[in-house]
Amino acid sequence: MIALTLGITLWASRQVKSATDFHSGGRGFSGMQNGFAIGSDYMSAASFLGIAGMIALFGYDGFLYSIGFLVAWLVALLLVAELLRNSGRYTMADVLSYRMRQRPVRTAASVSTLTVSIFYLLAQMVGAGALIALLLGIQPGETYLGMSAETAKIAGIVVVGILMIVYVTFGGMKGTTWVQIVKAVMLMGGAALLTVMVLAVYGFNFGALMSDAAQASGVGSSFLEPGQRYGVEVAGDAWQTMVNKLDLISLGLALVLGTAGLPHILIRFYTVPDSKAARKSVNWGIGLIGSFYLMTLVLGFGAAALVGRDAIVAQNAAGNTAAPQLAEEVGVHFGGNLLGAIMLALIAAVAFAAILSTVAGLTIASSSSLAHDLYNNVIRRGKASEKEEIKVARLAAFGVGVAAIVLAIFAQNLNVAFLVALAFAIAASANLPTVLLSLFWKRFNTTGALAGIYGGLASALILVFFSPVVSGKVNAEGDSLSLFPAGVDFSWFPLENPGLVSIPLGLLCAVVGTLLSKETDPERFAELQVRALTGAGAEGAAKH
């Protein structure tokens, strides 16, 4: 799998001649190709490993992630995709800064892009560590190639990080997109094969599968009902019950509104020749993603029924290895240990491909923003040559990769689906309000954009830091379920996902900031509207 993707990267590296090639793949991808790449970017390891694990451990509640992730695409399709493709050039900041003061807005957009991308990257790298541990049979307390289990896991994370840096540094957007297209085909094929095999075990009777999953879960029929993970009703504690219900609403808001603010999704709209292709690519993406999430339902319940909760948690406490474990179990069922080993290797390779293509997409979003927005337009005031910009983008990719590796080593015990939900909350709080107000509100100005981005970003990060995710959450045995060890507790914000508070706050900051400033440019807004709706002059959108 790695050899194949490196081969594609090497081929693509020879095609990268200009900044347009590096940042947006020469804008030469069709709607269908870009749709596959969008699906690939989106159906990350968090979707494949995290959601399957969530469903396996929490039943109905795990599937809520799939619903949220899919519904979110309607927001992207109806409000963002076409208008963004018409009015921008390489990055989200091209649209935000079009009718505002370039330097402060581009700086803010870069900071936001980098923060969201790092959180999302963390999820992928943590998934990679768990996957490599399973694939190579690394168990706690044992040694592997002379390394302790922990060191071996860290080595796995470092390898993924190095590969990600290689993809982006050499292949640019063209190489990354082709890697993503290949991976989308593999992921859909692998998930479909596993889904058919799981259903075949039950004679294609989905009811029997769900019934078995409920029995094996240890909680009976309530496994198939809401309340195992979210909105849990705590007897005699009305406050905690309310907090649990609000947390569910907060998660839903973050998932549905976050997609349209994710930098690595937004830059995908620039890789197609026009807005019609952008719309078509979202339709393709929705079809692929919808089918995939229906399959995660079968995989999650299949893992609960055939692998069992105890075996999943023993391998990975957060459930991130449920899908590969299921592949091995189903293989053994149909063809003994040999087929079990082959299925495990196949599904692990597919999940590994999912990780690699998503981290490449995130890294290119960050490096493009740092090179195009921060270096060229802020530091060099638009005077940098294309060669210079590509060189800085490659250096930025290296820096982002190193930062992601270091942070992932400390976040190994968190569920990857949860980490992604956090990235979505930040994107929905900081990016989405400013993107929408830029496109639709004539009065919107620089102060409003800066207040919206920094206000949304700061509120999401501060609330997460003082939430049970970082400190104070323990299980029945007294083990910490937070980033900090048991005994450390400085949490005062009760919700695990900040979206319910931080998204309205981000929007409020943007509106108040706009009204506090007298700056306005109706002519520029009229130009942006014409460009957004017709695509006229889109190629030079950021050159003024």
Protein backbone atom coordinates (compact mmCIF):
# COMPACT_ATOMS: atom_id res chain seq x y z
CA MET A 1 0.00 0.00 0.00
CA ILE A 2 2.79 2.41 0.96
CA ALA A 3 4.81 1.46 -2.14
CA LEU A 4 1.82 2.19 -4.39
CA THR A 5 1.12 5.62 -2.86
CA LEU A 6 4.82 6.58 -2.91
CA GLY A 7 4.93 5.63 -6.60
CA ILE A 8 1.99 7.98 -7.30
CA THR A 9 3.73 10.75 -5.34
CA LEU A 10 6.95 10.33 -7.32
CA TRP A 11 5.01 10.53 -10.61
CA ALA A 12 3.09 13.62 -9.44
CA SER A 13 6.25 15.40 -8.24
CA ARG A 14 7.36 15.66 -11.86
CA GLN A 15 4.11 17.45 -12.81
CA VAL A 16 4.41 20.23 -10.20
CA LYS A 17 5.61 23.24 -12.19
CA SER A 18 3.67 26.19 -10.72
CA ALA A 19 1.98 27.35 -7.49
CA THR A 20 -1.40 26.40 -9.03
CA ASP A 21 -0.09 22.84 -9.55
CA PHE A 22 1.14 22.63 -5.96
CA HIS A 23 -1.85 24.24 -4.19
CA SER A 24 -4.77 23.08 -6.36
CA GLY A 25 -3.48 20.32 -8.66
CA GLY A 26 -3.60 22.57 -11.74
CA ARG A 27 -7.43 22.74 -11.39
CA GLY A 28 -7.61 19.83 -13.79
CA PHE A 29 -9.70 17.27 -11.86
CA SER A 30 -13.21 16.32 -12.99
CA GLY A 31 -16.23 16.43 -10.69
CA MET A 32 -16.16 12.65 -10.28
CA GLN A 33 -12.41 12.52 -9.53
CA ASN A 34 -12.72 15.34 -7.02
CA GLY A 35 -15.79 13.65 -5.51
CA PHE A 36 -13.73 10.53 -4.84
CA ALA A 37 -10.95 12.68 -3.36
CA ILE A 38 -13.47 14.56 -1.17
CA GLY A 39 -14.90 11.25 0.04
CA SER A 40 -11.40 10.01 0.71
CA ASP A 41 -10.41 13.18 2.57
CA TYR A 42 -13.55 12.87 4.68
CA MET A 43 -13.80 9.10 5.26
CA SER A 44 -10.73 9.20 7.39
CA ALA A 45 -9.38 6.67 9.85
CA ALA A 46 -11.64 8.38 12.36
CA SER A 47 -14.66 7.37 10.29
CA PHE A 48 -13.50 3.86 9.59
CA LEU A 49 -11.85 2.98 12.91
CA GLY A 50 -13.43 5.47 15.33
CA ILE A 51 -17.08 5.18 14.30
CA ALA A 52 -16.99 1.39 13.88
CA GLY A 53 -15.48 1.28 17.39
CA MET A 54 -18.09 3.68 18.78
CA ILE A 55 -20.95 1.58 17.36
CA ALA A 56 -19.34 -1.63 18.63
CA LEU A 57 -19.07 -0.23 22.17
CA PHE A 58 -22.16 2.02 22.41
CA GLY A 59 -24.58 0.73 19.76
CA TYR A 60 -27.16 3.26 18.63
CA ASP A 61 -25.22 6.23 20.05
CA GLY A 62 -22.12 5.43 18.00
CA PHE A 63 -24.15 5.76 14.79
CA LEU A 64 -24.95 9.39 15.65
CA TYR A 65 -21.49 10.33 14.35
CA SER A 66 -22.33 8.83 10.95
CA ILE A 67 -25.61 10.77 10.77
CA GLY A 68 -23.96 14.05 11.74
CA PHE A 69 -21.04 13.65 9.34
CA LEU A 70 -23.39 12.91 6.41
CA VAL A 71 -26.05 15.58 7.02
CA ALA A 72 -23.24 18.15 7.25
CA TRP A 73 -22.66 17.86 3.51
CA LEU A 74 -25.96 19.56 2.75
CA VAL A 75 -24.63 22.72 4.44
CA ALA A 76 -21.44 22.49 2.37
CA LEU A 77 -23.34 21.84 -0.88
CA LEU A 78 -26.04 24.49 -0.53
CA LEU A 79 -24.10 27.33 1.11
CA VAL A 80 -20.41 27.01 0.42
CA ALA A 81 -19.07 24.78 -2.40
CA GLU A 82 -20.02 26.68 -5.53
CA LEU A 83 -19.61 30.22 -4.14
CA LEU A 84 -16.20 29.41 -2.66
CA ARG A 85 -14.92 27.85 -5.91
CA ASN A 86 -15.97 30.95 -7.86
CA SER A 87 -14.60 33.57 -5.52
CA GLY A 88 -11.30 32.10 -4.30
CA ARG A 89 -8.02 30.92 -5.69
CA TYR A 90 -6.11 28.55 -3.38
CA THR A 91 -7.29 28.96 0.24
CA MET A 92 -10.23 29.98 2.43
CA ALA A 93 -8.46 33.29 3.16
CA ASP A 94 -8.72 34.32 -0.53
CA VAL A 95 -12.47 34.66 -0.03
CA LEU A 96 -12.34 36.14 3.48
CA SER A 97 -9.81 38.82 2.59
CA TYR A 98 -11.30 39.79 -0.80
CA ARG A 99 -13.13 42.88 0.47
CA MET A 100 -11.11 43.45 3.65
CA ARG A 101 -7.63 44.40 4.81
CA GLN A 102 -5.46 41.57 3.49
CA ARG A 103 -2.78 41.08 6.10
CA PRO A 104 -4.71 40.79 9.41
CA VAL A 105 -7.46 38.63 7.86
CA ARG A 106 -5.03 36.27 6.12
CA THR A 107 -3.03 35.92 9.36
CA ALA A 108 -6.20 35.03 11.31
CA ALA A 109 -7.27 32.52 8.64
CA SER A 110 -3.83 30.87 8.75
CA VAL A 111 -3.94 30.54 12.55
CA SER A 112 -7.42 29.00 12.38
CA THR A 113 -6.49 26.62 9.52
CA LEU A 114 -3.43 25.43 11.40
CA THR A 115 -5.34 24.84 14.67
CA VAL A 116 -8.15 22.84 13.05
CA SER A 117 -5.69 20.83 10.95
CA ILE A 118 -3.49 19.94 13.94
CA PHE A 119 -6.49 18.61 15.94
CA TYR A 120 -7.65 16.59 12.95
CA LEU A 121 -4.12 15.33 12.30
CA LEU A 122 -3.90 14.18 15.92
CA ALA A 123 -6.91 11.94 15.38
CA GLN A 124 -5.34 10.29 12.34
CA MET A 125 -1.96 9.76 14.00
CA VAL A 126 -3.54 8.27 17.14
CA GLY A 127 -5.50 5.89 14.88
CA ALA A 128 -2.24 4.96 13.14
CA GLY A 129 -0.55 4.11 16.44
CA ALA A 130 -3.45 1.84 17.48
CA LEU A 131 -3.58 0.17 14.06
CA ILE A 132 0.15 -0.58 13.91
CA ALA A 133 0.04 -2.01 17.45
CA LEU A 134 -2.76 -4.39 16.39
CA LEU A 135 -1.18 -5.33 13.07
CA LEU A 136 2.22 -6.14 14.55
CA GLY A 137 0.79 -7.79 17.67
CA ILE A 138 2.32 -5.22 20.03
CA GLN A 139 0.86 -5.88 23.50
CA PRO A 140 1.46 -3.89 26.71
CA GLY A 141 4.23 -5.48 28.79
CA GLU A 142 5.87 -7.17 25.78
CA THR A 143 8.80 -6.08 23.64
CA TYR A 144 8.83 -5.67 19.85
CA LEU A 145 12.12 -5.50 17.89
CA GLY A 146 13.80 -4.77 21.20
CA MET A 147 11.41 -1.87 21.94
CA SER A 148 8.80 -1.72 24.67
CA ALA A 149 5.15 -1.67 23.52
CA GLU A 150 4.90 2.08 24.14
CA THR A 151 8.08 2.85 22.19
CA ALA A 152 6.94 0.65 19.30
CA LYS A 153 3.62 2.54 19.14
CA ILE A 154 5.48 5.85 19.09
CA ALA A 155 7.72 4.54 16.30
CA GLY A 156 4.54 3.74 14.30
CA ILE A 157 3.26 7.30 14.73
CA VAL A 158 6.64 8.70 13.62
CA VAL A 159 6.62 6.50 10.47
CA VAL A 160 3.15 7.77 9.49
CA GLY A 161 4.30 11.35 10.09
CA ILE A 162 7.34 10.92 7.85
CA LEU A 163 5.25 9.40 5.05
CA MET A 164 2.76 12.28 5.28
CA ILE A 165 5.58 14.83 4.98
CA VAL A 166 6.97 12.99 1.91
CA TYR A 167 3.56 12.91 0.13
CA VAL A 168 2.92 16.63 0.47
CA THR A 169 6.48 17.91 0.07
CA PHE A 170 7.01 16.08 -3.20
CA GLY A 171 3.55 15.46 -4.66
CA GLY A 172 1.72 18.69 -3.79
CA MET A 173 -2.05 18.74 -4.36
CA LYS A 174 -1.81 16.70 -7.57
CA GLY A 175 -0.04 13.77 -5.87
CA THR A 176 -2.24 14.06 -2.78
CA THR A 177 -5.45 13.96 -4.87
CA TRP A 178 -4.41 10.86 -6.82
CA VAL A 179 -3.41 9.12 -3.57
CA GLN A 180 -6.87 10.01 -2.23
CA ILE A 181 -8.70 8.69 -5.31
CA VAL A 182 -6.87 5.33 -5.10
CA LYS A 183 -7.54 5.17 -1.37
CA ALA A 184 -11.29 5.93 -1.81
CA VAL A 185 -11.62 2.97 -4.19
CA MET A 186 -9.74 0.72 -1.74
CA LEU A 187 -11.69 1.92 1.29
CA MET A 188 -15.09 1.44 -0.36
CA GLY A 189 -14.01 -1.97 -1.71
CA GLY A 190 -12.59 -3.15 1.62
CA ALA A 191 -15.60 -1.93 3.62
CA ALA A 192 -18.04 -3.49 1.10
CA LEU A 193 -16.23 -6.85 1.19
CA LEU A 194 -16.22 -6.90 4.99
CA THR A 195 -19.89 -5.83 5.14
CA VAL A 196 -20.96 -8.65 2.78
CA MET A 197 -18.92 -11.21 4.78
CA VAL A 198 -20.43 -10.08 8.10
CA LEU A 199 -23.96 -10.25 6.68
CA ALA A 200 -23.18 -13.68 5.14
CA VAL A 201 -22.36 -15.01 8.63
CA TYR A 202 -25.97 -14.18 9.54
CA GLY A 203 -27.51 -15.34 6.28
CA PHE A 204 -28.02 -11.67 5.28
CA ASN A 205 -30.47 -11.24 8.16
CA PHE A 206 -29.65 -7.82 9.62
CA GLY A 207 -32.19 -8.31 12.42
CA ALA A 208 -30.33 -11.43 13.63
CA LEU A 209 -27.04 -9.49 13.57
CA MET A 210 -28.50 -6.67 15.69
CA SER A 211 -30.06 -9.13 18.10
CA ASP A 212 -26.70 -10.93 18.55
CA ALA A 213 -24.87 -7.62 18.97
CA ALA A 214 -27.34 -6.56 21.70
CA GLN A 215 -26.92 -9.88 23.55
CA ALA A 216 -23.12 -9.76 23.35
CA SER A 217 -22.99 -6.13 24.50
CA GLY A 218 -23.88 -6.98 28.10
CA VAL A 219 -26.65 -4.36 28.25
CA GLY A 220 -29.32 -6.22 26.28
CA SER A 221 -31.85 -4.44 24.08
CA SER A 222 -30.86 -0.99 25.42
CA PHE A 223 -27.75 -1.36 23.21
CA LEU A 224 -30.09 -0.64 20.27
CA GLU A 225 -31.62 2.40 21.96
CA PRO A 226 -30.27 5.90 22.70
CA GLY A 227 -28.55 6.56 26.01
CA GLN A 228 -25.47 4.29 26.19
CA ARG A 229 -22.99 7.10 25.50
CA TYR A 230 -24.91 10.36 24.96
CA GLY A 231 -27.86 11.88 26.76
CA VAL A 232 -27.47 9.31 29.56
CA GLU A 233 -30.14 9.71 32.23
CA VAL A 234 -28.57 9.63 35.70
CA ALA A 235 -31.08 8.54 38.38
CA GLY A 236 -31.45 11.17 41.11
CA ASP A 237 -29.10 13.67 39.41
CA ALA A 238 -31.12 16.10 37.28
CA TRP A 239 -28.11 18.39 36.65
CA GLN A 240 -25.90 15.62 35.23
CA THR A 241 -28.80 14.32 33.11
CA MET A 242 -29.29 17.79 31.62
CA VAL A 243 -25.53 18.16 30.97
CA ASN A 244 -25.50 14.79 29.18
CA LYS A 245 -28.44 15.81 26.96
CA LEU A 246 -26.86 19.20 26.14
CA ASP A 247 -23.59 17.45 25.28
CA LEU A 248 -25.43 15.44 22.62
CA ILE A 249 -26.90 18.61 21.07
CA SER A 250 -23.45 20.21 21.19
CA LEU A 251 -21.87 17.27 19.38
CA GLY A 252 -24.61 17.29 16.72
CA LEU A 253 -24.17 21.03 16.09
CA ALA A 254 -20.40 20.66 15.75
CA LEU A 255 -20.67 17.74 13.31
CA VAL A 256 -23.35 19.32 11.10
CA LEU A 257 -21.83 22.81 10.92
CA GLY A 258 -18.14 21.87 11.08
CA THR A 259 -17.73 20.28 7.64
CA ALA A 260 -18.35 23.54 5.77
CA GLY A 261 -15.56 25.17 7.78
CA LEU A 262 -12.88 22.47 7.50
CA PRO A 263 -9.87 23.93 5.63
CA HIS A 264 -8.83 20.65 3.97
CA ILE A 265 -12.38 20.21 2.61
CA LEU A 266 -12.72 23.84 1.48
CA ILE A 267 -9.50 23.76 -0.59
CA ARG A 268 -10.76 20.70 -2.47
CA PHE A 269 -13.26 22.95 -4.29
CA TYR A 270 -10.33 24.77 -5.95
CA THR A 271 -9.02 21.64 -7.70
CA VAL A 272 -11.85 21.61 -10.28
CA PRO A 273 -12.15 23.85 -13.37
CA ASP A 274 -15.48 25.52 -12.51
CA SER A 275 -18.39 25.78 -10.07
CA LYS A 276 -20.48 23.16 -11.92
CA ALA A 277 -17.71 20.62 -11.33
CA ALA A 278 -17.51 21.75 -7.68
CA ARG A 279 -21.23 21.00 -7.27
CA LYS A 280 -20.90 17.68 -9.06
CA SER A 281 -17.96 16.67 -6.88
CA VAL A 282 -20.01 17.30 -3.71
CA ASN A 283 -22.82 15.11 -5.11
CA TRP A 284 -20.33 12.31 -5.79
CA GLY A 285 -18.87 12.82 -2.33
CA ILE A 286 -22.30 12.58 -0.67
CA GLY A 287 -23.09 9.33 -2.53
CA LEU A 288 -19.81 7.69 -1.50
CA ILE A 289 -19.89 8.96 2.07
CA GLY A 290 -23.55 7.95 2.57
CA SER A 291 -22.91 4.39 1.35
CA PHE A 292 -19.81 4.15 3.50
CA TYR A 293 -21.58 5.22 6.71
CA LEU A 294 -24.35 2.68 6.12
CA MET A 295 -21.60 0.06 5.97
CA THR A 296 -20.07 1.26 9.27
CA LEU A 297 -23.40 0.32 10.88
CA VAL A 298 -22.94 -3.31 9.84
CA LEU A 299 -19.25 -3.26 10.81
CA GLY A 300 -19.93 -1.78 14.25
CA PHE A 301 -22.72 -4.22 15.12
CA GLY A 302 -20.70 -7.04 13.55
CA ALA A 303 -17.72 -6.23 15.81
CA ALA A 304 -20.00 -6.13 18.88
CA ALA A 305 -21.55 -9.52 17.99
CA LEU A 306 -18.54 -11.46 16.67
CA VAL A 307 -15.51 -9.94 18.45
CA GLY A 308 -17.18 -8.89 21.70
CA ARG A 309 -16.76 -5.82 23.86
CA ASP A 310 -14.05 -7.32 26.11
CA ALA A 311 -11.76 -8.31 23.23
CA ILE A 312 -12.13 -4.86 21.61
CA VAL A 313 -11.41 -2.94 24.82
CA ALA A 314 -8.49 -5.25 25.68
CA GLN A 315 -6.79 -4.35 22.38
CA ASN A 316 -7.66 -0.65 22.44
CA ALA A 317 -9.63 1.00 25.26
CA ALA A 318 -11.22 3.58 22.94
CA GLY A 319 -12.41 0.91 20.46
CA ASN A 320 -10.26 2.17 17.56
CA THR A 321 -9.31 -1.36 16.41
CA ALA A 322 -12.84 -2.87 16.23
CA ALA A 323 -12.98 -2.99 12.39
CA PRO A 324 -9.62 -4.79 11.83
CA GLN A 325 -10.41 -7.20 14.68
CA LEU A 326 -13.74 -7.94 13.01
CA ALA A 327 -11.97 -8.58 9.69
CA GLU A 328 -9.76 -11.20 11.33
CA GLU A 329 -12.71 -12.84 13.12
CA VAL A 330 -14.81 -13.05 9.92
CA GLY A 331 -11.83 -14.40 7.96
CA VAL A 332 -11.30 -17.15 10.54
CA HIS A 333 -15.03 -17.98 10.39
CA PHE A 334 -14.94 -18.56 6.61
CA GLY A 335 -11.44 -19.92 5.98
CA GLY A 336 -9.51 -20.57 9.17
CA ASN A 337 -6.45 -18.72 10.44
CA LEU A 338 -4.90 -18.07 7.03
CA LEU A 339 -7.93 -16.18 5.68
CA GLY A 340 -8.22 -14.44 9.07
CA ALA A 341 -4.64 -13.14 8.72
CA ILE A 342 -5.24 -12.07 5.09
CA MET A 343 -8.45 -10.20 5.99
CA LEU A 344 -6.74 -8.46 8.92
CA ALA A 345 -3.87 -7.39 6.66
CA LEU A 346 -6.25 -6.20 3.93
CA ILE A 347 -8.51 -4.12 6.20
CA ALA A 348 -5.51 -2.76 8.13
CA ALA A 349 -3.93 -1.70 4.81
CA VAL A 350 -7.20 0.00 3.83
CA ALA A 351 -7.37 1.80 7.20
CA PHE A 352 -3.71 2.72 6.86
CA ALA A 353 -4.42 4.17 3.41
CA ALA A 354 -7.32 6.13 4.95
CA ILE A 355 -4.95 7.61 7.52
CA LEU A 356 -2.26 8.49 4.98
CA SER A 357 -4.57 10.21 2.50
CA THR A 358 -6.35 12.28 5.16
CA VAL A 359 -3.12 13.40 6.82
CA ALA A 360 -1.78 14.39 3.40
CA GLY A 361 -4.94 16.45 2.72
CA LEU A 362 -4.67 18.19 6.09
CA THR A 363 -0.97 18.88 5.68
CA ILE A 364 -1.42 20.43 2.26
CA ALA A 365 -4.25 22.66 3.59
CA SER A 366 -1.92 23.90 6.35
CA SER A 367 1.18 24.31 4.19
CA SER A 368 -0.78 26.13 1.43
CA SER A 369 -2.24 28.52 3.98
CA LEU A 370 1.15 29.20 5.59
CA ALA A 371 2.91 29.70 2.23
CA HIS A 372 0.20 31.50 0.23
CA ASP A 373 -1.51 33.53 2.98
CA LEU A 374 1.09 34.08 5.67
CA TYR A 375 4.37 34.13 3.73
CA ASN A 376 3.41 35.54 0.33
CA ASN A 377 0.56 37.91 1.20
CA VAL A 378 1.44 38.96 4.77
CA ILE A 379 5.24 38.81 5.08
CA ARG A 380 6.18 39.46 1.41
CA ARG A 381 3.03 41.57 0.66
CA GLY A 382 2.23 39.52 -2.46
CA LYS A 383 5.70 39.94 -4.02
CA ALA A 384 7.01 36.37 -3.59
CA SER A 385 7.67 34.39 -6.77
CA GLU A 386 5.83 31.11 -7.42
CA LYS A 387 9.08 29.17 -6.90
CA GLU A 388 9.56 30.83 -3.53
CA GLU A 389 5.97 30.10 -2.49
CA ILE A 390 6.30 26.39 -3.36
CA LYS A 391 9.59 26.18 -1.43
CA VAL A 392 7.98 27.72 1.68
CA ALA A 393 4.95 25.40 1.32
CA ARG A 394 7.28 22.40 1.36
CA LEU A 395 9.10 23.67 4.46
CA ALA A 396 5.73 24.35 6.12
CA ALA A 397 4.60 20.78 5.37
CA PHE A 398 7.69 19.52 7.19
CA GLY A 399 7.01 21.77 10.21
CA VAL A 400 3.33 20.79 10.46
CA GLY A 401 4.25 17.11 10.20
CA VAL A 402 6.77 17.33 13.05
CA ALA A 403 4.28 19.21 15.28
CA ALA A 404 1.57 16.57 14.61
CA ILE A 405 3.95 13.70 15.45
CA VAL A 406 4.99 15.26 18.79
CA LEU A 407 1.40 16.05 19.86
CA ALA A 408 0.03 12.64 18.79
CA ILE A 409 2.51 10.87 21.07
CA PHE A 410 0.80 12.56 24.06
CA ALA A 411 -2.79 11.94 22.92
CA GLN A 412 -2.65 8.19 22.30
CA ASN A 413 -5.45 7.21 24.70
CA LEU A 414 -8.23 9.34 23.20
CA ASN A 415 -10.93 8.00 20.85
CA VAL A 416 -10.18 9.25 17.34
CA ALA A 417 -13.84 9.98 16.52
CA PHE A 418 -13.95 12.27 19.55
CA LEU A 419 -10.79 14.14 18.48
CA VAL A 420 -12.33 14.74 15.07
CA ALA A 421 -15.53 16.08 16.68
CA LEU A 422 -13.31 18.59 18.47
CA ALA A 423 -11.74 19.72 15.18
CA PHE A 424 -15.27 20.09 13.76
CA ALA A 425 -16.32 22.25 16.74
CA ILE A 426 -13.36 24.59 16.19
CA ALA A 427 -14.03 24.79 12.43
CA ALA A 428 -17.73 25.52 13.03
CA SER A 429 -16.93 28.20 15.65
CA ALA A 430 -14.07 30.05 13.94
CA ASN A 431 -14.36 29.46 10.17
CA LEU A 432 -17.98 28.90 9.18
CA PRO A 433 -19.50 32.15 10.57
CA THR A 434 -16.82 34.29 8.89
CA VAL A 435 -17.01 32.43 5.55
CA LEU A 436 -20.83 32.78 5.41
CA LEU A 437 -20.88 36.43 6.54
CA SER A 438 -18.16 37.27 3.98
CA LEU A 439 -20.28 35.81 1.20
CA PHE A 440 -23.70 37.07 2.28
CA TRP A 441 -23.50 40.20 4.51
CA LYS A 442 -22.80 43.54 2.81
CA ARG A 443 -21.88 45.33 6.09
CA PHE A 444 -19.32 42.68 7.16
CA ASN A 445 -15.78 44.07 7.57
CA THR A 446 -12.22 43.36 8.72
CA THR A 447 -12.91 43.88 12.44
CA GLY A 448 -15.86 41.48 12.25
CA ALA A 449 -13.81 38.82 10.45
CA LEU A 450 -10.97 39.04 12.99
CA ALA A 451 -13.36 39.02 15.98
CA GLY A 452 -15.24 36.05 14.49
CA ILE A 453 -12.16 33.93 13.79
CA TYR A 454 -10.25 34.68 16.99
CA GLY A 455 -13.38 34.76 19.17
CA GLY A 456 -14.65 31.40 17.89
CA LEU A 457 -11.19 29.84 18.06
CA ALA A 458 -10.41 31.09 21.57
CA SER A 459 -13.83 30.15 22.99
CA ALA A 460 -13.64 26.60 21.56
CA LEU A 461 -10.06 26.02 22.81
CA ILE A 462 -10.61 27.53 26.27
CA LEU A 463 -13.83 25.58 26.85
CA VAL A 464 -12.16 22.32 25.76
CA PHE A 465 -9.19 22.96 28.05
CA PHE A 466 -11.47 23.38 31.08
CA SER A 467 -13.75 20.46 30.13
CA PRO A 468 -13.74 16.82 31.37
CA VAL A 469 -11.82 15.88 28.22
CA VAL A 470 -8.61 17.40 29.59
CA SER A 471 -9.00 16.67 33.31
CA GLY A 472 -11.25 15.18 35.97
CA LYS A 473 -12.99 12.34 34.11
CA VAL A 474 -12.47 8.86 35.62
CA ASN A 475 -14.13 5.48 35.09
CA ALA A 476 -15.58 3.16 37.76
CA GLU A 477 -12.12 1.69 38.46
CA GLY A 478 -10.66 5.16 39.05
CA ASP A 479 -8.59 5.22 35.83
CA SER A 480 -8.39 8.57 34.06
CA LEU A 481 -10.40 9.01 30.86
CA SER A 482 -8.97 12.50 30.36
CA LEU A 483 -5.66 13.77 29.00
CA PHE A 484 -4.34 14.43 32.52
CA PRO A 485 -3.90 11.54 35.01
CA ALA A 486 -6.49 10.72 37.70
CA GLY A 487 -6.33 13.10 40.65
CA VAL A 488 -5.79 16.20 38.49
CA ASP A 489 -9.03 18.11 38.04
CA PHE A 490 -9.38 21.72 36.93
CA SER A 491 -12.50 21.27 34.78
CA TRP A 492 -15.37 23.74 35.31
CA PHE A 493 -17.04 23.55 31.87
CA PRO A 494 -19.34 20.49 32.03
CA LEU A 495 -19.73 19.67 28.30
CA GLU A 496 -17.24 17.47 26.45
CA ASN A 497 -17.89 19.19 23.13
CA PRO A 498 -17.84 23.03 23.21
CA GLY A 499 -19.94 23.53 20.03
CA LEU A 500 -23.19 24.52 21.77
CA VAL A 501 -21.49 27.54 23.37
CA SER A 502 -18.55 28.30 21.08
CA ILE A 503 -20.45 28.32 17.72
CA PRO A 504 -22.98 31.03 18.79
CA LEU A 505 -20.09 32.89 20.48
CA GLY A 506 -18.06 32.89 17.25
CA LEU A 507 -21.05 34.23 15.31
CA LEU A 508 -21.79 36.84 17.99
CA CYS A 509 -18.15 38.05 18.00
CA ALA A 510 -18.26 38.43 14.19
CA VAL A 511 -21.51 40.44 14.28
CA VAL A 512 -20.52 42.67 17.24
CA GLY A 513 -17.02 43.25 15.78
CA THR A 514 -18.59 44.34 12.47
CA LEU A 515 -21.03 46.76 14.13
CA LEU A 516 -18.28 48.33 16.28
CA SER A 517 -16.30 49.32 13.17
CA LYS A 518 -17.39 51.91 10.59
CA GLU A 519 -15.41 50.23 7.78
CA THR A 520 -17.56 49.15 4.83
CA ASP A 521 -17.00 48.60 1.11
CA PRO A 522 -20.30 48.00 -0.73
CA GLU A 523 -18.62 48.15 -4.16
CA ARG A 524 -16.18 45.41 -3.27
CA PHE A 525 -19.07 43.31 -1.90
CA ALA A 526 -20.96 43.77 -5.20
CA GLU A 527 -17.85 42.57 -7.07
CA LEU A 528 -17.55 39.55 -4.76
CA GLN A 529 -21.23 38.67 -5.28
CA VAL A 530 -20.91 38.81 -9.06
CA ARG A 531 -17.80 36.67 -8.89
CA ALA A 532 -19.32 34.17 -6.40
CA LEU A 533 -22.50 33.73 -8.44
CA THR A 534 -21.06 33.75 -11.96
CA GLY A 535 -17.40 32.76 -11.59
CA ALA A 536 -16.35 35.82 -13.62
CA GLY A 537 -12.65 36.55 -13.05
CA ALA A 538 -12.28 33.79 -10.45
CA GLU A 539 -8.77 32.86 -11.59
CA GLY A 540 -7.34 36.15 -10.38
CA ALA A 541 -9.49 36.40 -7.27
CA ALA A 542 -6.61 37.11 -4.93
CA LYS A 543 -4.46 39.29 -7.13
CA HIS A 544 -5.89 42.74 -6.38
